[in-house]
Amino acid sequence: MKSAACPIAGVRPPSPDSAHGEIDVLRVEDLRRRLGGALARLAARGELEVPIARTYPLDQVRDTFRELEQGHTHGKIVLRP
């Protein structure tokens, strides 16, 4: 089964006009499109920050995996050519 065809439900908090929240049902592909668009807009405005923990040259890829296996990395690991 494709994940894009699976519906997912999200609950919105109660509005001032009702005592109960409402349920939104979205398909995974719709959620990805919404989030992807939001992330692209943030990046375009310079409001998205991605922390870089460390940068390695490509020939040190083994060191990169060793660091990731330790599980203490705070940020992204970047491999450069």
N, C-alpha and C. Protein backbone atom coordinates (compact mmCIF):
# COMPACT_ATOMS: atom_id res chain seq x y z
N MET A 1 0.84 -1.17 0.00
CA MET A 1 0.00 0.00 0.00
C MET A 1 0.89 1.24 0.00
N LYS A 2 0.55 2.22 -0.81
CA LYS A 2 1.31 3.47 -0.88
C LYS A 2 0.96 4.34 0.30
N SER A 3 1.98 4.98 0.90
CA SER A 3 1.71 5.85 2.04
C SER A 3 0.92 7.08 1.63
N ALA A 4 1.06 7.53 0.38
CA ALA A 4 0.36 8.73 -0.07
C ALA A 4 -1.14 8.52 -0.09
N ALA A 5 -1.59 7.26 -0.18
CA ALA A 5 -3.02 7.00 -0.23
C ALA A 5 -3.63 6.86 1.17
N CYS A 6 -2.81 6.78 2.19
CA CYS A 6 -3.30 6.59 3.55
C CYS A 6 -3.77 7.92 4.13
N PRO A 7 -5.01 7.97 4.57
CA PRO A 7 -5.45 9.21 5.20
C PRO A 7 -4.89 9.31 6.61
N ILE A 8 -4.67 10.51 7.05
CA ILE A 8 -4.29 10.74 8.44
C ILE A 8 -5.24 11.78 9.00
N ALA A 9 -5.48 11.72 10.28
CA ALA A 9 -6.42 12.64 10.89
C ALA A 9 -5.68 13.58 11.82
N GLY A 10 -6.11 14.79 11.85
CA GLY A 10 -5.58 15.77 12.77
C GLY A 10 -6.74 16.45 13.47
N VAL A 11 -6.58 16.76 14.71
CA VAL A 11 -7.66 17.38 15.47
C VAL A 11 -7.33 18.85 15.67
N ARG A 12 -8.24 19.70 15.26
CA ARG A 12 -8.08 21.13 15.50
C ARG A 12 -8.66 21.44 16.87
N PRO A 13 -8.07 22.37 17.60
CA PRO A 13 -8.62 22.72 18.91
C PRO A 13 -10.00 23.36 18.77
N PRO A 14 -10.76 23.37 19.85
CA PRO A 14 -12.10 23.96 19.80
C PRO A 14 -12.04 25.43 19.40
N SER A 15 -13.00 25.84 18.61
CA SER A 15 -13.10 27.25 18.24
C SER A 15 -13.94 27.96 19.30
N PRO A 16 -13.93 29.29 19.33
CA PRO A 16 -14.76 30.00 20.31
C PRO A 16 -16.24 29.69 20.16
N ASP A 17 -16.65 29.22 18.96
CA ASP A 17 -18.07 28.95 18.72
C ASP A 17 -18.50 27.54 19.09
N SER A 18 -17.56 26.65 19.38
CA SER A 18 -17.95 25.28 19.72
C SER A 18 -17.14 24.78 20.90
N ALA A 19 -17.69 23.79 21.56
CA ALA A 19 -17.02 23.22 22.73
C ALA A 19 -16.08 22.09 22.34
N HIS A 20 -16.18 21.61 21.10
CA HIS A 20 -15.39 20.46 20.67
C HIS A 20 -14.51 20.85 19.50
N GLY A 21 -13.38 20.16 19.39
CA GLY A 21 -12.51 20.37 18.24
C GLY A 21 -13.09 19.71 17.01
N GLU A 22 -12.54 20.02 15.87
CA GLU A 22 -12.96 19.42 14.62
C GLU A 22 -11.85 18.51 14.11
N ILE A 23 -12.23 17.51 13.38
CA ILE A 23 -11.25 16.56 12.85
C ILE A 23 -11.03 16.86 11.37
N ASP A 24 -9.76 17.02 11.01
CA ASP A 24 -9.37 17.18 9.61
C ASP A 24 -8.78 15.86 9.14
N VAL A 25 -9.18 15.41 7.99
CA VAL A 25 -8.58 14.21 7.42
C VAL A 25 -7.81 14.63 6.17
N LEU A 26 -6.53 14.35 6.16
CA LEU A 26 -5.66 14.70 5.04
C LEU A 26 -4.98 13.44 4.53
N ARG A 27 -4.65 13.45 3.28
CA ARG A 27 -3.82 12.38 2.76
C ARG A 27 -2.37 12.81 3.01
N VAL A 28 -1.50 11.83 3.13
CA VAL A 28 -0.09 12.10 3.41
C VAL A 28 0.50 13.02 2.34
N GLU A 29 0.12 12.80 1.07
CA GLU A 29 0.67 13.64 0.01
C GLU A 29 0.23 15.09 0.17
N ASP A 30 -0.99 15.32 0.67
CA ASP A 30 -1.45 16.69 0.91
C ASP A 30 -0.65 17.34 2.04
N LEU A 31 -0.38 16.57 3.08
CA LEU A 31 0.40 17.08 4.19
C LEU A 31 1.82 17.41 3.75
N ARG A 32 2.42 16.53 2.97
CA ARG A 32 3.77 16.79 2.46
C ARG A 32 3.81 18.06 1.62
N ARG A 33 2.79 18.24 0.78
CA ARG A 33 2.75 19.42 -0.08
C ARG A 33 2.63 20.68 0.77
N ARG A 34 1.76 20.64 1.78
CA ARG A 34 1.60 21.81 2.65
C ARG A 34 2.87 22.14 3.42
N LEU A 35 3.48 21.11 4.00
CA LEU A 35 4.71 21.33 4.77
C LEU A 35 5.85 21.76 3.88
N GLY A 36 5.97 21.12 2.71
CA GLY A 36 7.04 21.47 1.77
C GLY A 36 6.93 22.91 1.32
N GLY A 37 5.71 23.35 1.04
CA GLY A 37 5.49 24.73 0.64
C GLY A 37 5.83 25.70 1.75
N ALA A 38 5.45 25.35 2.97
CA ALA A 38 5.74 26.22 4.12
C ALA A 38 7.24 26.32 4.35
N LEU A 39 7.95 25.19 4.24
CA LEU A 39 9.40 25.21 4.43
C LEU A 39 10.08 26.01 3.33
N ALA A 40 9.61 25.87 2.09
CA ALA A 40 10.19 26.63 0.98
C ALA A 40 10.00 28.14 1.20
N ARG A 41 8.83 28.55 1.68
CA ARG A 41 8.59 29.98 1.94
C ARG A 41 9.50 30.49 3.06
N LEU A 42 9.66 29.72 4.11
CA LEU A 42 10.55 30.13 5.21
C LEU A 42 11.99 30.26 4.71
N ALA A 43 12.44 29.31 3.91
CA ALA A 43 13.81 29.36 3.38
C ALA A 43 13.99 30.57 2.48
N ALA A 44 13.00 30.86 1.64
CA ALA A 44 13.09 31.99 0.72
C ALA A 44 13.17 33.32 1.47
N ARG A 45 12.52 33.40 2.62
CA ARG A 45 12.56 34.63 3.42
C ARG A 45 13.76 34.68 4.36
N GLY A 46 14.57 33.63 4.36
CA GLY A 46 15.73 33.59 5.24
C GLY A 46 15.36 33.31 6.69
N GLU A 47 14.19 32.73 6.91
CA GLU A 47 13.72 32.47 8.27
C GLU A 47 13.90 31.02 8.71
N LEU A 48 14.50 30.22 7.87
CA LEU A 48 14.71 28.82 8.20
C LEU A 48 16.19 28.61 8.49
N GLU A 49 16.48 28.17 9.68
CA GLU A 49 17.86 27.91 10.06
C GLU A 49 18.05 26.41 10.24
N VAL A 50 19.08 25.88 9.62
CA VAL A 50 19.42 24.48 9.76
C VAL A 50 20.79 24.43 10.43
N PRO A 51 20.84 23.97 11.68
CA PRO A 51 22.14 23.92 12.36
C PRO A 51 23.05 22.86 11.74
N ILE A 52 24.28 23.23 11.50
CA ILE A 52 25.29 22.32 10.96
C ILE A 52 26.21 21.93 12.11
N ALA A 53 26.22 20.65 12.45
CA ALA A 53 27.06 20.17 13.55
C ALA A 53 28.52 20.08 13.11
N ARG A 54 28.73 19.57 11.90
CA ARG A 54 30.10 19.39 11.43
C ARG A 54 30.10 19.18 9.93
N THR A 55 31.18 19.55 9.30
CA THR A 55 31.36 19.35 7.87
C THR A 55 32.57 18.46 7.64
N TYR A 56 32.39 17.46 6.78
CA TYR A 56 33.47 16.53 6.47
C TYR A 56 33.72 16.53 4.97
N PRO A 57 34.96 16.33 4.55
CA PRO A 57 35.20 16.06 3.13
C PRO A 57 34.68 14.65 2.81
N LEU A 58 34.29 14.45 1.58
CA LEU A 58 33.69 13.19 1.18
C LEU A 58 34.58 11.99 1.47
N ASP A 59 35.89 12.17 1.41
CA ASP A 59 36.78 11.03 1.65
C ASP A 59 36.82 10.61 3.12
N GLN A 60 36.14 11.35 4.01
CA GLN A 60 36.07 10.99 5.42
C GLN A 60 34.67 10.51 5.81
N VAL A 61 33.98 9.90 4.86
CA VAL A 61 32.61 9.46 5.10
C VAL A 61 32.51 8.47 6.26
N ARG A 62 33.53 7.66 6.47
CA ARG A 62 33.51 6.71 7.60
C ARG A 62 33.47 7.45 8.92
N ASP A 63 34.22 8.53 9.04
CA ASP A 63 34.20 9.34 10.27
C ASP A 63 32.80 9.91 10.50
N THR A 64 32.15 10.28 9.41
CA THR A 64 30.79 10.81 9.50
C THR A 64 29.86 9.79 10.12
N PHE A 65 29.92 8.55 9.62
CA PHE A 65 29.05 7.51 10.16
C PHE A 65 29.37 7.19 11.61
N ARG A 66 30.63 7.22 11.97
CA ARG A 66 31.00 6.98 13.37
C ARG A 66 30.36 8.03 14.28
N GLU A 67 30.42 9.28 13.84
CA GLU A 67 29.83 10.36 14.64
C GLU A 67 28.32 10.19 14.76
N LEU A 68 27.67 9.83 13.67
CA LEU A 68 26.22 9.64 13.69
C LEU A 68 25.81 8.47 14.57
N GLU A 69 26.60 7.41 14.56
CA GLU A 69 26.29 6.24 15.38
C GLU A 69 26.34 6.54 16.87
N GLN A 70 27.13 7.52 17.28
CA GLN A 70 27.21 7.88 18.69
C GLN A 70 25.92 8.51 19.19
N GLY A 71 25.15 9.11 18.27
CA GLY A 71 23.85 9.65 18.64
C GLY A 71 23.88 10.95 19.42
N HIS A 72 25.00 11.65 19.44
CA HIS A 72 25.09 12.89 20.20
C HIS A 72 25.18 14.13 19.31
N THR A 73 24.91 13.95 18.03
CA THR A 73 25.04 15.05 17.09
C THR A 73 23.89 16.02 17.25
N HIS A 74 24.19 17.29 17.37
CA HIS A 74 23.17 18.34 17.44
C HIS A 74 23.27 19.18 16.18
N GLY A 75 22.50 18.81 15.17
CA GLY A 75 22.55 19.49 13.89
C GLY A 75 22.84 18.49 12.79
N LYS A 76 22.97 19.00 11.60
CA LYS A 76 23.20 18.17 10.43
C LYS A 76 24.68 17.96 10.19
N ILE A 77 25.00 16.82 9.62
CA ILE A 77 26.36 16.51 9.19
C ILE A 77 26.39 16.75 7.69
N VAL A 78 27.36 17.50 7.22
CA VAL A 78 27.47 17.83 5.81
C VAL A 78 28.71 17.18 5.22
N LEU A 79 28.51 16.47 4.10
CA LEU A 79 29.63 15.93 3.33
C LEU A 79 29.85 16.83 2.14
N ARG A 80 31.09 17.24 1.93
CA ARG A 80 31.39 18.11 0.80
C ARG A 80 32.35 17.40 -0.15
N PRO A 81 32.22 17.67 -1.44
CA PRO A 81 33.08 16.99 -2.43
C PRO A 81 34.54 17.37 -2.28
